[in-house]
Amino acid sequence: MEDLTLVVMAAGMGSRFGGLKQITPVDDYGNFIIDYSVFDAIQAGFNHVVFVIKEENFLDFKNTIGKRIENKIKVDYAFQKLEDAPIKKEVIKKREKPWGTVQAILASRPYVKGNFAVINADDYYGRDSYKRIVDFFKEGKDANSYVSVLFPFCETEINKDAVKRGVCNFKDDLITSIVECSIKEEKNGVIATPLDGTNPFPIKKDALVSMNIFGFNNNFYNILNNFFNDYFKQSEDAILNGECLLPDCLEEYINKNIIKVYNRPTNGKWLGMTYKEDLDYVRCELNKMILDGYYKKGLW
């Protein structure tokens, strides 16, 4: 069987949430959001999962979700380490956290042999998202063609607070740019404020945004590696205060006409946890789906 891997980025510190939200129960049966992501991915045809985590959290993951799913799907663990970077040790010592999502995905490289999807551990994307990625792989695009599953912004709002989303521009079904923004619904509409300091701009309430769910072929690791090495050619101040982010990598290589990223939108449900206050809403929505029979009780 062809290897089809789900790469779960779960090494975030969870500082705004106030704990290790990746393994926080979100239903009455002790499951995490990751459980639902892996369950839905299996239904769509994935047969391998790689959890990218901090090494010190290995046993927490293995003894919880790992035990629940290891007889359902092949499981590997990759460690995102601060010191795994092409830079002098004395510079690394000045930074506290790893270098961002590009480094996280690169950590999975030794375990991934074929096509793969990338997701955040603390986001629920719904079964349709994984099906759209699998269907894209079946289209047989060229080696430098990838896919992003996008959501209408209005389906990703949390309590009307400002949220970080990737605002996309398009040409037909190709994404031409991804601008990381803080987005908030104001009295005069929805305003997106780019994180790079450029001017805010309005977007439609149903504008499609990136929630960090992508599908790639194995060739993409070479592009990630090149982008990661280039990140460390900046000034020391830029290196220490920034992050090497996947959307930035994609936008740079889109602009260079080296890659294509296709849009495959979904109207499926998205759920996420940024703050502890979000947990009650997520639990309520997932328990509704259990009561409706979309998920069985206990999941596994």
C-alpha atoms as a PDB file:
ATOM      1  CA  MET A   1       0.000   0.000   0.000  1.00  0.00           C
ATOM      2  CA  GLU A   2       1.237   3.485  -0.856  1.00  0.00           C
ATOM      3  CA  ASP A   3       2.443   5.445   2.172  1.00  0.00           C
ATOM      4  CA  LEU A   4       0.066   8.335   2.864  1.00  0.00           C
ATOM      5  CA  THR A   5       1.180  10.236   5.938  1.00  0.00           C
ATOM      6  CA  LEU A   6      -0.448  12.730   8.263  1.00  0.00           C
ATOM      7  CA  VAL A   7       2.183  15.028   9.820  1.00  0.00           C
ATOM      8  CA  VAL A   8       0.822  16.558  13.022  1.00  0.00           C
ATOM      9  CA  MET A   9       2.652  19.638  14.288  1.00  0.00           C
ATOM     10  CA  ALA A  10       2.349  19.328  18.073  1.00  0.00           C
ATOM     11  CA  ALA A  11       5.499  20.961  19.444  1.00  0.00           C
ATOM     12  CA  GLY A  12       3.939  24.347  20.243  1.00  0.00           C
ATOM     13  CA  MET A  13       4.371  25.683  23.756  1.00  0.00           C
ATOM     14  CA  GLY A  14       0.698  26.504  24.374  1.00  0.00           C
ATOM     15  CA  SER A  15       1.576  29.617  26.373  1.00  0.00           C
ATOM     16  CA  ARG A  16      -1.670  31.474  25.582  1.00  0.00           C
ATOM     17  CA  PHE A  17      -3.720  28.377  26.410  1.00  0.00           C
ATOM     18  CA  GLY A  18      -1.933  27.850  29.716  1.00  0.00           C
ATOM     19  CA  GLY A  19      -0.889  24.225  29.258  1.00  0.00           C
ATOM     20  CA  LEU A  20      -0.244  21.369  26.849  1.00  0.00           C
ATOM     21  CA  LYS A  21      -3.427  21.827  24.829  1.00  0.00           C
ATOM     22  CA  GLN A  22      -2.448  19.124  22.325  1.00  0.00           C
ATOM     23  CA  ILE A  23      -3.344  16.488  24.935  1.00  0.00           C
ATOM     24  CA  THR A  24      -6.254  18.252  26.612  1.00  0.00           C
ATOM     25  CA  PRO A  25      -9.478  16.130  26.550  1.00  0.00           C
ATOM     26  CA  VAL A  26     -12.200  17.677  24.380  1.00  0.00           C
ATOM     27  CA  ASP A  27     -15.073  15.217  24.871  1.00  0.00           C
ATOM     28  CA  ASP A  28     -16.659  13.106  27.596  1.00  0.00           C
ATOM     29  CA  TYR A  29     -14.433  10.147  26.720  1.00  0.00           C
ATOM     30  CA  GLY A  30     -10.987  11.657  27.192  1.00  0.00           C
ATOM     31  CA  ASN A  31     -10.140  12.134  23.500  1.00  0.00           C
ATOM     32  CA  PHE A  32      -8.024  15.029  22.217  1.00  0.00           C
ATOM     33  CA  ILE A  33      -8.534  17.058  19.053  1.00  0.00           C
ATOM     34  CA  ILE A  34      -5.645  15.011  17.621  1.00  0.00           C
ATOM     35  CA  ASP A  35      -7.740  11.846  18.055  1.00  0.00           C
ATOM     36  CA  TYR A  36     -10.442  13.286  15.833  1.00  0.00           C
ATOM     37  CA  SER A  37      -7.899  14.435  13.246  1.00  0.00           C
ATOM     38  CA  VAL A  38      -6.276  11.011  13.024  1.00  0.00           C
ATOM     39  CA  PHE A  39      -9.661   9.257  12.986  1.00  0.00           C
ATOM     40  CA  ASP A  40     -10.898  11.420  10.097  1.00  0.00           C
ATOM     41  CA  ALA A  41      -7.615  11.005   8.205  1.00  0.00           C
ATOM     42  CA  ILE A  42      -7.875   7.221   8.468  1.00  0.00           C
ATOM     43  CA  GLN A  43     -11.410   7.369   7.073  1.00  0.00           C
ATOM     44  CA  ALA A  44     -10.052   9.359   4.115  1.00  0.00           C
ATOM     45  CA  GLY A  45      -7.293   6.818   3.378  1.00  0.00           C
ATOM     46  CA  PHE A  46      -4.225   7.849   5.409  1.00  0.00           C
ATOM     47  CA  ASN A  47      -2.221   4.935   6.808  1.00  0.00           C
ATOM     48  CA  HIS A  48       0.622   6.631   8.706  1.00  0.00           C
ATOM     49  CA  VAL A  49       0.870   9.456  11.228  1.00  0.00           C
ATOM     50  CA  VAL A  50       3.962  11.323  12.427  1.00  0.00           C
ATOM     51  CA  PHE A  51       3.642  13.435  15.563  1.00  0.00           C
ATOM     52  CA  VAL A  52       6.164  16.272  15.631  1.00  0.00           C
ATOM     53  CA  ILE A  53       6.623  17.010  19.329  1.00  0.00           C
ATOM     54  CA  LYS A  54       9.084  18.243  21.910  1.00  0.00           C
ATOM     55  CA  GLU A  55      11.224  15.353  23.111  1.00  0.00           C
ATOM     56  CA  GLU A  56      10.252  15.914  26.740  1.00  0.00           C
ATOM     57  CA  ASN A  57       6.591  15.277  25.836  1.00  0.00           C
ATOM     58  CA  PHE A  58       7.253  11.922  24.170  1.00  0.00           C
ATOM     59  CA  LEU A  59       5.904   9.692  26.947  1.00  0.00           C
ATOM     60  CA  ASP A  60       2.826  11.899  27.405  1.00  0.00           C
ATOM     61  CA  PHE A  61       1.944  11.401  23.735  1.00  0.00           C
ATOM     62  CA  LYS A  62       2.894   7.741  23.526  1.00  0.00           C
ATOM     63  CA  ASN A  63       0.988   6.758  26.663  1.00  0.00           C
ATOM     64  CA  THR A  64      -2.187   8.589  25.657  1.00  0.00           C
ATOM     65  CA  ILE A  65      -3.085   8.984  21.998  1.00  0.00           C
ATOM     66  CA  GLY A  66      -0.258   6.685  20.906  1.00  0.00           C
ATOM     67  CA  LYS A  67      -1.725   3.760  22.825  1.00  0.00           C
ATOM     68  CA  ARG A  68      -5.200   4.474  21.476  1.00  0.00           C
ATOM     69  CA  ILE A  69      -4.244   4.464  17.806  1.00  0.00           C
ATOM     70  CA  GLU A  70      -1.143   2.296  17.392  1.00  0.00           C
ATOM     71  CA  ASN A  71      -3.281  -0.686  16.356  1.00  0.00           C
ATOM     72  CA  LYS A  72      -5.241   1.486  13.902  1.00  0.00           C
ATOM     73  CA  ILE A  73      -2.448   3.232  11.987  1.00  0.00           C
ATOM     74  CA  LYS A  74       1.344   3.261  11.770  1.00  0.00           C
ATOM     75  CA  VAL A  75       2.697   5.788  14.293  1.00  0.00           C
ATOM     76  CA  ASP A  76       6.047   7.597  14.447  1.00  0.00           C
ATOM     77  CA  TYR A  77       7.335  10.413  16.633  1.00  0.00           C
ATOM     78  CA  ALA A  78       9.685  13.155  15.436  1.00  0.00           C
ATOM     79  CA  PHE A  79      11.309  15.680  17.745  1.00  0.00           C
ATOM     80  CA  GLN A  80      11.528  19.375  16.917  1.00  0.00           C
ATOM     81  CA  LYS A  81      14.662  20.610  18.633  1.00  0.00           C
ATOM     82  CA  LEU A  82      15.889  24.151  19.032  1.00  0.00           C
ATOM     83  CA  GLU A  83      19.475  23.072  18.366  1.00  0.00           C
ATOM     84  CA  ASP A  84      18.674  21.458  14.992  1.00  0.00           C
ATOM     85  CA  ALA A  85      19.539  24.601  13.052  1.00  0.00           C
ATOM     86  CA  PRO A  86      22.434  25.734  10.801  1.00  0.00           C
ATOM     87  CA  ILE A  87      23.702  28.345  13.234  1.00  0.00           C
ATOM     88  CA  LYS A  88      26.344  28.676  15.928  1.00  0.00           C
ATOM     89  CA  LYS A  89      25.567  27.212  19.346  1.00  0.00           C
ATOM     90  CA  GLU A  90      26.172  30.512  21.103  1.00  0.00           C
ATOM     91  CA  VAL A  91      23.380  32.101  19.046  1.00  0.00           C
ATOM     92  CA  ILE A  92      21.008  29.193  19.709  1.00  0.00           C
ATOM     93  CA  LYS A  93      21.484  29.672  23.458  1.00  0.00           C
ATOM     94  CA  LYS A  94      19.915  33.131  23.168  1.00  0.00           C
ATOM     95  CA  ARG A  95      16.561  31.713  22.005  1.00  0.00           C
ATOM     96  CA  GLU A  96      13.955  29.802  24.023  1.00  0.00           C
ATOM     97  CA  LYS A  97      11.656  28.132  21.483  1.00  0.00           C
ATOM     98  CA  PRO A  98      12.169  26.273  18.173  1.00  0.00           C
ATOM     99  CA  TRP A  99      12.251  28.044  14.825  1.00  0.00           C
ATOM    100  CA  GLY A 100       8.692  27.607  13.567  1.00  0.00           C
ATOM    101  CA  THR A 101       6.582  25.443  11.293  1.00  0.00           C
ATOM    102  CA  VAL A 102       9.189  24.934   8.562  1.00  0.00           C
ATOM    103  CA  GLN A 103      11.527  23.325  11.091  1.00  0.00           C
ATOM    104  CA  ALA A 104       8.638  21.277  12.505  1.00  0.00           C
ATOM    105  CA  ILE A 105       7.839  19.733   9.132  1.00  0.00           C
ATOM    106  CA  LEU A 106      11.513  19.123   8.357  1.00  0.00           C
ATOM    107  CA  ALA A 107      11.744  17.092  11.575  1.00  0.00           C
ATOM    108  CA  SER A 108       9.304  14.594  10.044  1.00  0.00           C
ATOM    109  CA  ARG A 109      11.407  14.020   6.919  1.00  0.00           C
ATOM    110  CA  PRO A 110      13.137  10.771   7.998  1.00  0.00           C
ATOM    111  CA  TYR A 111       9.757   9.100   8.541  1.00  0.00           C
ATOM    112  CA  VAL A 112       7.829  10.197   5.433  1.00  0.00           C
ATOM    113  CA  LYS A 113       8.290   8.228   2.211  1.00  0.00           C
ATOM    114  CA  GLY A 114       5.448   9.414  -0.002  1.00  0.00           C
ATOM    115  CA  ASN A 115       2.725  12.052  -0.127  1.00  0.00           C
ATOM    116  CA  PHE A 116       1.792  13.733   3.130  1.00  0.00           C
ATOM    117  CA  ALA A 117      -0.576  16.211   4.731  1.00  0.00           C
ATOM    118  CA  VAL A 118       0.385  18.765   7.384  1.00  0.00           C
ATOM    119  CA  ILE A 119      -1.939  19.965  10.143  1.00  0.00           C
ATOM    120  CA  ASN A 120      -1.871  21.772  13.491  1.00  0.00           C
ATOM    121  CA  ALA A 121      -2.395  19.491  16.485  1.00  0.00           C
ATOM    122  CA  ASP A 122      -4.867  21.826  18.158  1.00  0.00           C
ATOM    123  CA  ASP A 123      -7.167  22.367  15.154  1.00  0.00           C
ATOM    124  CA  TYR A 124     -10.122  20.227  14.103  1.00  0.00           C
ATOM    125  CA  TYR A 125     -10.510  20.303  10.318  1.00  0.00           C
ATOM    126  CA  GLY A 126     -13.305  17.809   9.632  1.00  0.00           C
ATOM    127  CA  ARG A 127     -13.302  14.675   7.495  1.00  0.00           C
ATOM    128  CA  ASP A 128     -13.996  16.510   4.242  1.00  0.00           C
ATOM    129  CA  SER A 129     -10.638  18.304   4.479  1.00  0.00           C
ATOM    130  CA  TYR A 130      -8.671  15.052   4.416  1.00  0.00           C
ATOM    131  CA  LYS A 131     -10.810  13.678   1.612  1.00  0.00           C
ATOM    132  CA  ARG A 132     -10.068  16.769  -0.497  1.00  0.00           C
ATOM    133  CA  ILE A 133      -6.317  16.265  -0.015  1.00  0.00           C
ATOM    134  CA  VAL A 134      -6.536  12.587  -0.957  1.00  0.00           C
ATOM    135  CA  ASP A 135      -8.616  13.449  -4.030  1.00  0.00           C
ATOM    136  CA  PHE A 136      -6.003  16.047  -5.024  1.00  0.00           C
ATOM    137  CA  PHE A 137      -3.231  13.436  -4.834  1.00  0.00           C
ATOM    138  CA  LYS A 138      -5.293  11.221  -7.130  1.00  0.00           C
ATOM    139  CA  GLU A 139      -5.373  14.009  -9.738  1.00  0.00           C
ATOM    140  CA  GLY A 140      -1.702  13.288 -10.495  1.00  0.00           C
ATOM    141  CA  LYS A 141      -0.409  16.853 -10.686  1.00  0.00           C
ATOM    142  CA  ASP A 142       3.282  17.514 -11.403  1.00  0.00           C
ATOM    143  CA  ALA A 143       5.972  17.217  -8.709  1.00  0.00           C
ATOM    144  CA  ASN A 144       5.884  20.900  -7.730  1.00  0.00           C
ATOM    145  CA  SER A 145       2.123  21.121  -7.266  1.00  0.00           C
ATOM    146  CA  TYR A 146       0.632  21.122  -3.768  1.00  0.00           C
ATOM    147  CA  VAL A 147      -2.756  21.753  -2.193  1.00  0.00           C
ATOM    148  CA  SER A 148      -4.263  23.838   0.598  1.00  0.00           C
ATOM    149  CA  VAL A 149      -7.703  23.248   2.083  1.00  0.00           C
ATOM    150  CA  LEU A 150      -9.197  26.653   2.827  1.00  0.00           C
ATOM    151  CA  PHE A 151     -12.114  27.667   5.052  1.00  0.00           C
ATOM    152  CA  PRO A 152     -14.467  30.657   4.909  1.00  0.00           C
ATOM    153  CA  PHE A 153     -13.269  33.075   7.579  1.00  0.00           C
ATOM    154  CA  CYS A 154     -16.739  33.201   9.163  1.00  0.00           C
ATOM    155  CA  GLU A 155     -16.407  29.461   9.931  1.00  0.00           C
ATOM    156  CA  THR A 156     -13.180  30.035  11.848  1.00  0.00           C
ATOM    157  CA  GLU A 157     -14.108  32.931  14.153  1.00  0.00           C
ATOM    158  CA  ILE A 158     -13.719  32.384  17.894  1.00  0.00           C
ATOM    159  CA  ASN A 159     -15.841  34.590  20.186  1.00  0.00           C
ATOM    160  CA  LYS A 160     -15.297  37.565  17.834  1.00  0.00           C
ATOM    161  CA  ASP A 161     -11.749  37.975  19.204  1.00  0.00           C
ATOM    162  CA  ALA A 162      -8.832  38.766  16.898  1.00  0.00           C
ATOM    163  CA  VAL A 163      -7.414  35.596  15.343  1.00  0.00           C
ATOM    164  CA  LYS A 164      -4.406  34.798  13.168  1.00  0.00           C
ATOM    165  CA  ARG A 165      -5.269  33.497   9.712  1.00  0.00           C
ATOM    166  CA  GLY A 166      -3.604  33.292   6.307  1.00  0.00           C
ATOM    167  CA  VAL A 167      -5.470  35.574   3.878  1.00  0.00           C
ATOM    168  CA  CYS A 168      -5.172  34.198   0.355  1.00  0.00           C
ATOM    169  CA  ASN A 169      -5.324  35.691  -3.113  1.00  0.00           C
ATOM    170  CA  PHE A 170      -6.143  33.608  -6.159  1.00  0.00           C
ATOM    171  CA  LYS A 171      -5.919  33.198  -9.886  1.00  0.00           C
ATOM    172  CA  ASP A 172      -8.600  30.672 -10.777  1.00  0.00           C
ATOM    173  CA  ASP A 173      -7.989  27.759  -8.358  1.00  0.00           C
ATOM    174  CA  LEU A 174      -4.331  28.625  -7.736  1.00  0.00           C
ATOM    175  CA  ILE A 175      -3.228  30.497  -4.626  1.00  0.00           C
ATOM    176  CA  THR A 176      -1.050  33.449  -5.632  1.00  0.00           C
ATOM    177  CA  SER A 177      -0.252  34.725  -2.133  1.00  0.00           C
ATOM    178  CA  ILE A 178      -0.756  33.898   1.544  1.00  0.00           C
ATOM    179  CA  VAL A 179      -0.584  36.879   3.914  1.00  0.00           C
ATOM    180  CA  GLU A 180      -0.430  36.028   7.615  1.00  0.00           C
ATOM    181  CA  CYS A 181      -2.809  38.427   9.369  1.00  0.00           C
ATOM    182  CA  SER A 182      -4.532  39.200  12.611  1.00  0.00           C
ATOM    183  CA  ILE A 183      -8.212  39.371  11.685  1.00  0.00           C
ATOM    184  CA  LYS A 184     -11.007  40.900  13.725  1.00  0.00           C
ATOM    185  CA  GLU A 185     -14.625  41.726  12.983  1.00  0.00           C
ATOM    186  CA  GLU A 186     -15.129  45.433  13.619  1.00  0.00           C
ATOM    187  CA  LYS A 187     -18.256  47.614  13.448  1.00  0.00           C
ATOM    188  CA  ASN A 188     -17.341  48.628   9.895  1.00  0.00           C
ATOM    189  CA  GLY A 189     -16.540  45.095   8.684  1.00  0.00           C
ATOM    190  CA  VAL A 190     -13.825  42.451   8.926  1.00  0.00           C
ATOM    191  CA  ILE A 191     -10.327  43.942   9.043  1.00  0.00           C
ATOM    192  CA  ALA A 192      -7.135  41.962   8.327  1.00  0.00           C
ATOM    193  CA  THR A 193      -3.908  43.376   9.760  1.00  0.00           C
ATOM    194  CA  PRO A 194      -0.785  41.798   8.208  1.00  0.00           C
ATOM    195  CA  LEU A 195       1.734  40.542  10.750  1.00  0.00           C
ATOM    196  CA  ASP A 196       4.564  42.004   8.662  1.00  0.00           C
ATOM    197  CA  GLY A 197       3.486  45.538   9.616  1.00  0.00           C
ATOM    198  CA  THR A 198       1.963  46.552   6.277  1.00  0.00           C
ATOM    199  CA  ASN A 199      -1.361  48.366   6.112  1.00  0.00           C
ATOM    200  CA  PRO A 200      -4.607  46.719   7.292  1.00  0.00           C
ATOM    201  CA  PHE A 201      -7.247  45.931   4.688  1.00  0.00           C
ATOM    202  CA  PRO A 202     -10.877  44.776   4.688  1.00  0.00           C
ATOM    203  CA  ILE A 203     -11.925  41.266   3.722  1.00  0.00           C
ATOM    204  CA  LYS A 204     -15.313  39.696   3.151  1.00  0.00           C
ATOM    205  CA  LYS A 205     -16.753  37.721   6.030  1.00  0.00           C
ATOM    206  CA  ASP A 206     -16.748  34.585   3.863  1.00  0.00           C
ATOM    207  CA  ALA A 207     -13.257  35.158   2.425  1.00  0.00           C
ATOM    208  CA  LEU A 208     -11.252  31.944   2.170  1.00  0.00           C
ATOM    209  CA  VAL A 209      -8.403  31.710   4.682  1.00  0.00           C
ATOM    210  CA  SER A 210      -5.613  29.244   5.356  1.00  0.00           C
ATOM    211  CA  MET A 211      -5.760  27.274   8.601  1.00  0.00           C
ATOM    212  CA  ASN A 212      -2.456  25.436   8.061  1.00  0.00           C
ATOM    213  CA  ILE A 213      -3.741  22.258   6.439  1.00  0.00           C
ATOM    214  CA  PHE A 214      -1.786  21.357   3.301  1.00  0.00           C
ATOM    215  CA  GLY A 215      -0.999  18.390   1.094  1.00  0.00           C
ATOM    216  CA  PHE A 216       2.512  17.887  -0.318  1.00  0.00           C
ATOM    217  CA  ASN A 217       4.541  15.323  -2.185  1.00  0.00           C
ATOM    218  CA  ASN A 218       7.932  14.247  -0.886  1.00  0.00           C
ATOM    219  CA  ASN A 219       9.738  16.660  -3.196  1.00  0.00           C
ATOM    220  CA  PHE A 220       8.612  19.534  -0.973  1.00  0.00           C
ATOM    221  CA  TYR A 221      11.153  18.637   1.712  1.00  0.00           C
ATOM    222  CA  ASN A 222      13.937  19.927  -0.554  1.00  0.00           C
ATOM    223  CA  ILE A 223      12.205  23.297  -0.843  1.00  0.00           C
ATOM    224  CA  LEU A 224      11.649  23.450   2.917  1.00  0.00           C
ATOM    225  CA  ASN A 225      15.301  22.667   3.548  1.00  0.00           C
ATOM    226  CA  ASN A 226      16.470  25.425   1.188  1.00  0.00           C
ATOM    227  CA  PHE A 227      14.110  27.959   2.762  1.00  0.00           C
ATOM    228  CA  PHE A 228      15.186  26.971   6.286  1.00  0.00           C
ATOM    229  CA  ASN A 229      18.870  27.400   5.456  1.00  0.00           C
ATOM    230  CA  ASP A 230      18.186  30.790   3.855  1.00  0.00           C
ATOM    231  CA  TYR A 231      16.389  31.943   7.009  1.00  0.00           C
ATOM    232  CA  PHE A 232      19.676  31.740   8.915  1.00  0.00           C
ATOM    233  CA  LYS A 233      21.438  34.025   6.434  1.00  0.00           C
ATOM    234  CA  GLN A 234      19.631  37.035   7.962  1.00  0.00           C
ATOM    235  CA  SER A 235      20.947  39.267  10.715  1.00  0.00           C
ATOM    236  CA  GLU A 236      21.239  37.722  14.152  1.00  0.00           C
ATOM    237  CA  ASP A 237      18.468  39.977  15.443  1.00  0.00           C
ATOM    238  CA  ALA A 238      16.061  38.851  12.703  1.00  0.00           C
ATOM    239  CA  ILE A 239      16.920  35.205  13.324  1.00  0.00           C
ATOM    240  CA  LEU A 240      16.367  35.397  17.069  1.00  0.00           C
ATOM    241  CA  ASN A 241      13.151  37.406  16.968  1.00  0.00           C
ATOM    242  CA  GLY A 242      11.423  35.774  14.015  1.00  0.00           C
ATOM    243  CA  GLU A 243      10.101  32.385  12.986  1.00  0.00           C
ATOM    244  CA  CYS A 244      10.614  30.334   9.860  1.00  0.00           C
ATOM    245  CA  LEU A 245       7.015  29.843   8.783  1.00  0.00           C
ATOM    246  CA  LEU A 246       5.411  27.571   6.212  1.00  0.00           C
ATOM    247  CA  PRO A 247       3.171  30.265   4.620  1.00  0.00           C
ATOM    248  CA  ASP A 248       6.228  32.480   4.058  1.00  0.00           C
ATOM    249  CA  CYS A 249       8.029  29.591   2.382  1.00  0.00           C
ATOM    250  CA  LEU A 250       5.074  28.870   0.117  1.00  0.00           C
ATOM    251  CA  GLU A 251       4.626  32.515  -0.851  1.00  0.00           C
ATOM    252  CA  GLU A 252       8.299  32.935  -1.740  1.00  0.00           C
ATOM    253  CA  TYR A 253       8.356  29.903  -4.005  1.00  0.00           C
ATOM    254  CA  ILE A 254       4.983  30.762  -5.539  1.00  0.00           C
ATOM    255  CA  ASN A 255       6.397  34.184  -6.432  1.00  0.00           C
ATOM    256  CA  LYS A 256       9.453  32.527  -7.968  1.00  0.00           C
ATOM    257  CA  ASN A 257       7.128  30.370 -10.132  1.00  0.00           C
ATOM    258  CA  ILE A 258       8.793  27.258  -8.744  1.00  0.00           C
ATOM    259  CA  ILE A 259       5.686  25.763  -7.122  1.00  0.00           C
ATOM    260  CA  LYS A 260       1.919  25.853  -7.514  1.00  0.00           C
ATOM    261  CA  VAL A 261      -0.476  25.651  -4.576  1.00  0.00           C
ATOM    262  CA  TYR A 262      -4.025  24.719  -5.491  1.00  0.00           C
ATOM    263  CA  ASN A 263      -7.079  25.767  -3.509  1.00  0.00           C
ATOM    264  CA  ARG A 264      -9.517  23.047  -2.517  1.00  0.00           C
ATOM    265  CA  PRO A 265     -12.075  24.833  -0.295  1.00  0.00           C
ATOM    266  CA  THR A 266     -14.279  23.089   2.228  1.00  0.00           C
ATOM    267  CA  ASN A 267     -17.482  24.126   3.934  1.00  0.00           C
ATOM    268  CA  GLY A 268     -16.770  21.615   6.666  1.00  0.00           C
ATOM    269  CA  LYS A 269     -16.524  22.431  10.349  1.00  0.00           C
ATOM    270  CA  TRP A 270     -13.380  23.931  11.827  1.00  0.00           C
ATOM    271  CA  LEU A 271     -12.697  24.050  15.562  1.00  0.00           C
ATOM    272  CA  GLY A 272      -9.646  25.287  17.394  1.00  0.00           C
ATOM    273  CA  MET A 273      -8.281  26.196  20.795  1.00  0.00           C
ATOM    274  CA  THR A 274      -6.139  29.260  21.330  1.00  0.00           C
ATOM    275  CA  TYR A 275      -7.239  30.170  24.852  1.00  0.00           C
ATOM    276  CA  LYS A 276      -8.545  28.006  27.685  1.00  0.00           C
ATOM    277  CA  GLU A 277     -11.936  29.695  27.290  1.00  0.00           C
ATOM    278  CA  ASP A 278     -12.259  28.057  23.846  1.00  0.00           C
ATOM    279  CA  LEU A 279     -12.333  24.554  25.356  1.00  0.00           C
ATOM    280  CA  ASP A 280     -15.992  24.616  26.404  1.00  0.00           C
ATOM    281  CA  TYR A 281     -17.138  25.537  22.881  1.00  0.00           C
ATOM    282  CA  VAL A 282     -15.013  22.812  21.281  1.00  0.00           C
ATOM    283  CA  ARG A 283     -16.306  20.198  23.729  1.00  0.00           C
ATOM    284  CA  CYS A 284     -19.897  21.265  23.062  1.00  0.00           C
ATOM    285  CA  GLU A 285     -19.538  21.057  19.270  1.00  0.00           C
ATOM    286  CA  LEU A 286     -17.828  17.656  19.307  1.00  0.00           C
ATOM    287  CA  ASN A 287     -20.344  16.208  21.761  1.00  0.00           C
ATOM    288  CA  LYS A 288     -23.118  17.404  19.415  1.00  0.00           C
ATOM    289  CA  MET A 289     -21.517  15.416  16.594  1.00  0.00           C
ATOM    290  CA  ILE A 290     -21.333  12.368  18.841  1.00  0.00           C
ATOM    291  CA  LEU A 291     -25.017  12.708  19.762  1.00  0.00           C
ATOM    292  CA  ASP A 292     -25.875  13.112  16.059  1.00  0.00           C
ATOM    293  CA  GLY A 293     -24.049   9.849  15.296  1.00  0.00           C
ATOM    294  CA  TYR A 294     -21.325  11.417  13.158  1.00  0.00           C
ATOM    295  CA  TYR A 295     -18.773   9.981  15.612  1.00  0.00           C
ATOM    296  CA  LYS A 296     -19.320   6.943  17.754  1.00  0.00           C
ATOM    297  CA  LYS A 297     -19.082   7.221  21.519  1.00  0.00           C
ATOM    298  CA  GLY A 298     -15.484   6.821  22.670  1.00  0.00           C
ATOM    299  CA  LEU A 299     -14.304   7.275  19.040  1.00  0.00           C
ATOM    300  CA  TRP A 300     -11.806   4.391  19.026  1.00  0.00           C
END
